C-alpha cells in the first residue's frame, strides 16, 4: 500500500484530482497528475496501472514527459512496484 493506512484509495484519488477510471480524455495535465501521485506515493504504481489500464512502458513515457516538462525538479526516479 503506497498511501498511509488512514487514507483510503478513494481519498488519495480525490486529493490528487485523479480520474476514477481509465474512461477519460488523457490530457497532459491528467497524465502528469497520475505520475505525480505515483511518485509522491499517494497511490502505488500497481494501483495506477490497474485502475487506468496502463502498460509499464506507457507509464514510463508519461513519466519521461513529466520530468522533461520540469515536473520533477529533484530528478528522482520513481520507485515502481513490480506488477
C-alpha atoms as a PDB file:
ATOM      1  CA  UNK A   1       0.000   0.000   0.000  1.00  0.00           C
ATOM      2  CA  UNK A   2       1.556   3.275  -1.103  1.00  0.00           C
ATOM      3  CA  UNK A   3      -0.707   5.674   0.744  1.00  0.00           C
ATOM      4  CA  UNK A   4      -0.969   5.993   4.535  1.00  0.00           C
ATOM      5  CA  UNK A   5      -3.207   3.441   6.206  1.00  0.00           C
ATOM      6  CA  UNK A   6      -5.583   6.129   7.465  1.00  0.00           C
ATOM      7  CA  UNK A   7      -6.326   7.323   3.903  1.00  0.00           C
ATOM      8  CA  UNK A   8      -8.413   5.245   1.513  1.00  0.00           C
ATOM      9  CA  UNK A   9      -7.544   4.936  -2.165  1.00  0.00           C
ATOM     10  CA  UNK A  10     -10.689   6.994  -2.868  1.00  0.00           C
ATOM     11  CA  UNK A  11      -9.347   9.793  -0.635  1.00  0.00           C
ATOM     12  CA  UNK A  12      -5.945   9.674  -2.344  1.00  0.00           C
ATOM     13  CA  UNK A  13      -7.607   9.885  -5.761  1.00  0.00           C
ATOM     14  CA  UNK A  14      -9.713  12.861  -4.655  1.00  0.00           C
ATOM     15  CA  UNK A  15      -6.718  14.607  -3.067  1.00  0.00           C
ATOM     16  CA  UNK A  16      -4.729  14.407  -6.313  1.00  0.00           C
ATOM     17  CA  UNK A  17      -7.727  15.104  -8.556  1.00  0.00           C
ATOM     18  CA  UNK A  18      -7.249  11.829 -10.398  1.00  0.00           C
ATOM     19  CA  UNK A  19      -9.856  10.318 -12.702  1.00  0.00           C
ATOM     20  CA  UNK A  20     -11.904   7.496 -11.169  1.00  0.00           C
ATOM     21  CA  UNK A  21     -11.097   5.168 -14.061  1.00  0.00           C
ATOM     22  CA  UNK A  22      -9.489   4.941 -17.493  1.00  0.00           C
ATOM     23  CA  UNK A  23     -12.516   6.263 -19.427  1.00  0.00           C
ATOM     24  CA  UNK A  24     -11.343   9.861 -19.750  1.00  0.00           C
ATOM     25  CA  UNK A  25      -9.539  12.015 -22.280  1.00  0.00           C
ATOM     26  CA  UNK A  26      -5.887  11.739 -21.213  1.00  0.00           C
ATOM     27  CA  UNK A  27      -4.657  15.295 -21.365  1.00  0.00           C
ATOM     28  CA  UNK A  28      -1.063  16.137 -20.445  1.00  0.00           C
ATOM     29  CA  UNK A  29      -2.312  17.551 -17.130  1.00  0.00           C
ATOM     30  CA  UNK A  30      -4.156  14.328 -16.222  1.00  0.00           C
ATOM     31  CA  UNK A  31      -1.158  12.200 -17.122  1.00  0.00           C
ATOM     32  CA  UNK A  32       1.056  14.469 -15.009  1.00  0.00           C
ATOM     33  CA  UNK A  33      -1.372  14.151 -12.086  1.00  0.00           C
ATOM     34  CA  UNK A  34      -1.147  10.356 -12.216  1.00  0.00           C
ATOM     35  CA  UNK A  35       2.649  10.416 -12.450  1.00  0.00           C
ATOM     36  CA  UNK A  36       2.908  12.892  -9.572  1.00  0.00           C
ATOM     37  CA  UNK A  37       0.565  10.793  -7.412  1.00  0.00           C
ATOM     38  CA  UNK A  38       2.676   7.675  -8.011  1.00  0.00           C
ATOM     39  CA  UNK A  39       5.967   9.500  -7.446  1.00  0.00           C
ATOM     40  CA  UNK A  40       4.665  11.013  -4.196  1.00  0.00           C
ATOM     41  CA  UNK A  41       3.345   7.591  -3.148  1.00  0.00           C
ATOM     42  CA  UNK A  42      -0.256   8.716  -2.924  1.00  0.00           C
ATOM     43  CA  UNK A  43      -1.135   5.640  -4.979  1.00  0.00           C
ATOM     44  CA  UNK A  44       1.036   2.706  -5.958  1.00  0.00           C
ATOM     45  CA  UNK A  45       2.275   2.081  -9.478  1.00  0.00           C
ATOM     46  CA  UNK A  46       0.280  -1.160  -9.418  1.00  0.00           C
ATOM     47  CA  UNK A  47      -2.910   0.733  -8.474  1.00  0.00           C
ATOM     48  CA  UNK A  48      -2.373   3.291 -11.245  1.00  0.00           C
ATOM     49  CA  UNK A  49      -1.583   0.565 -13.742  1.00  0.00           C
ATOM     50  CA  UNK A  50      -4.695  -1.473 -12.994  1.00  0.00           C
ATOM     51  CA  UNK A  51      -7.066   1.479 -12.480  1.00  0.00           C
ATOM     52  CA  UNK A  52      -6.023   3.279 -15.687  1.00  0.00           C
ATOM     53  CA  UNK A  53      -5.138   0.214 -17.808  1.00  0.00           C
ATOM     54  CA  UNK A  54      -1.538   1.338 -18.304  1.00  0.00           C
ATOM     55  CA  UNK A  55       1.359  -0.691 -19.573  1.00  0.00           C
ATOM     56  CA  UNK A  56       4.687  -0.166 -17.848  1.00  0.00           C
ATOM     57  CA  UNK A  57       6.117   1.440 -21.000  1.00  0.00           C
ATOM     58  CA  UNK A  58       3.131   3.786 -21.307  1.00  0.00           C
ATOM     59  CA  UNK A  59       3.564   4.962 -17.710  1.00  0.00           C
ATOM     60  CA  UNK A  60       7.312   5.354 -18.239  1.00  0.00           C
ATOM     61  CA  UNK A  61       6.609   7.587 -21.260  1.00  0.00           C
ATOM     62  CA  UNK A  62       4.177   9.689 -19.193  1.00  0.00           C
ATOM     63  CA  UNK A  63       6.861   9.925 -16.513  1.00  0.00           C
ATOM     64  CA  UNK A  64       9.554  10.939 -19.013  1.00  0.00           C
ATOM     65  CA  UNK A  65       7.255  13.647 -20.389  1.00  0.00           C
ATOM     66  CA  UNK A  66       6.518  14.827 -16.833  1.00  0.00           C
ATOM     67  CA  UNK A  67      10.214  15.111 -15.988  1.00  0.00           C
ATOM     68  CA  UNK A  68      11.045  16.751 -19.342  1.00  0.00           C
ATOM     69  CA  UNK A  69       8.452  19.444 -18.693  1.00  0.00           C
ATOM     70  CA  UNK A  70      10.023  20.252 -15.325  1.00  0.00           C
ATOM     71  CA  UNK A  71       7.599  18.241 -13.233  1.00  0.00           C
ATOM     72  CA  UNK A  72      10.362  16.791 -11.089  1.00  0.00           C
ATOM     73  CA  UNK A  73      12.891  19.371 -10.012  1.00  0.00           C
ATOM     74  CA  UNK A  74      14.865  16.830  -7.970  1.00  0.00           C
ATOM     75  CA  UNK A  75      15.258  14.286 -10.777  1.00  0.00           C
ATOM     76  CA  UNK A  76      14.483  11.303  -8.566  1.00  0.00           C
ATOM     77  CA  UNK A  77      13.494   8.012 -10.148  1.00  0.00           C
ATOM     78  CA  UNK A  78      10.071   6.605  -9.401  1.00  0.00           C
ATOM     79  CA  UNK A  79      10.024   3.584  -7.146  1.00  0.00           C
ATOM     80  CA  UNK A  80       7.546   1.433  -9.005  1.00  0.00           C
ATOM     81  CA  UNK A  81       6.323  -1.796  -7.520  1.00  0.00           C
ATOM     82  CA  UNK A  82       6.750  -4.836  -9.720  1.00  0.00           C
ATOM     83  CA  UNK A  83       3.451  -5.875 -11.159  1.00  0.00           C
END
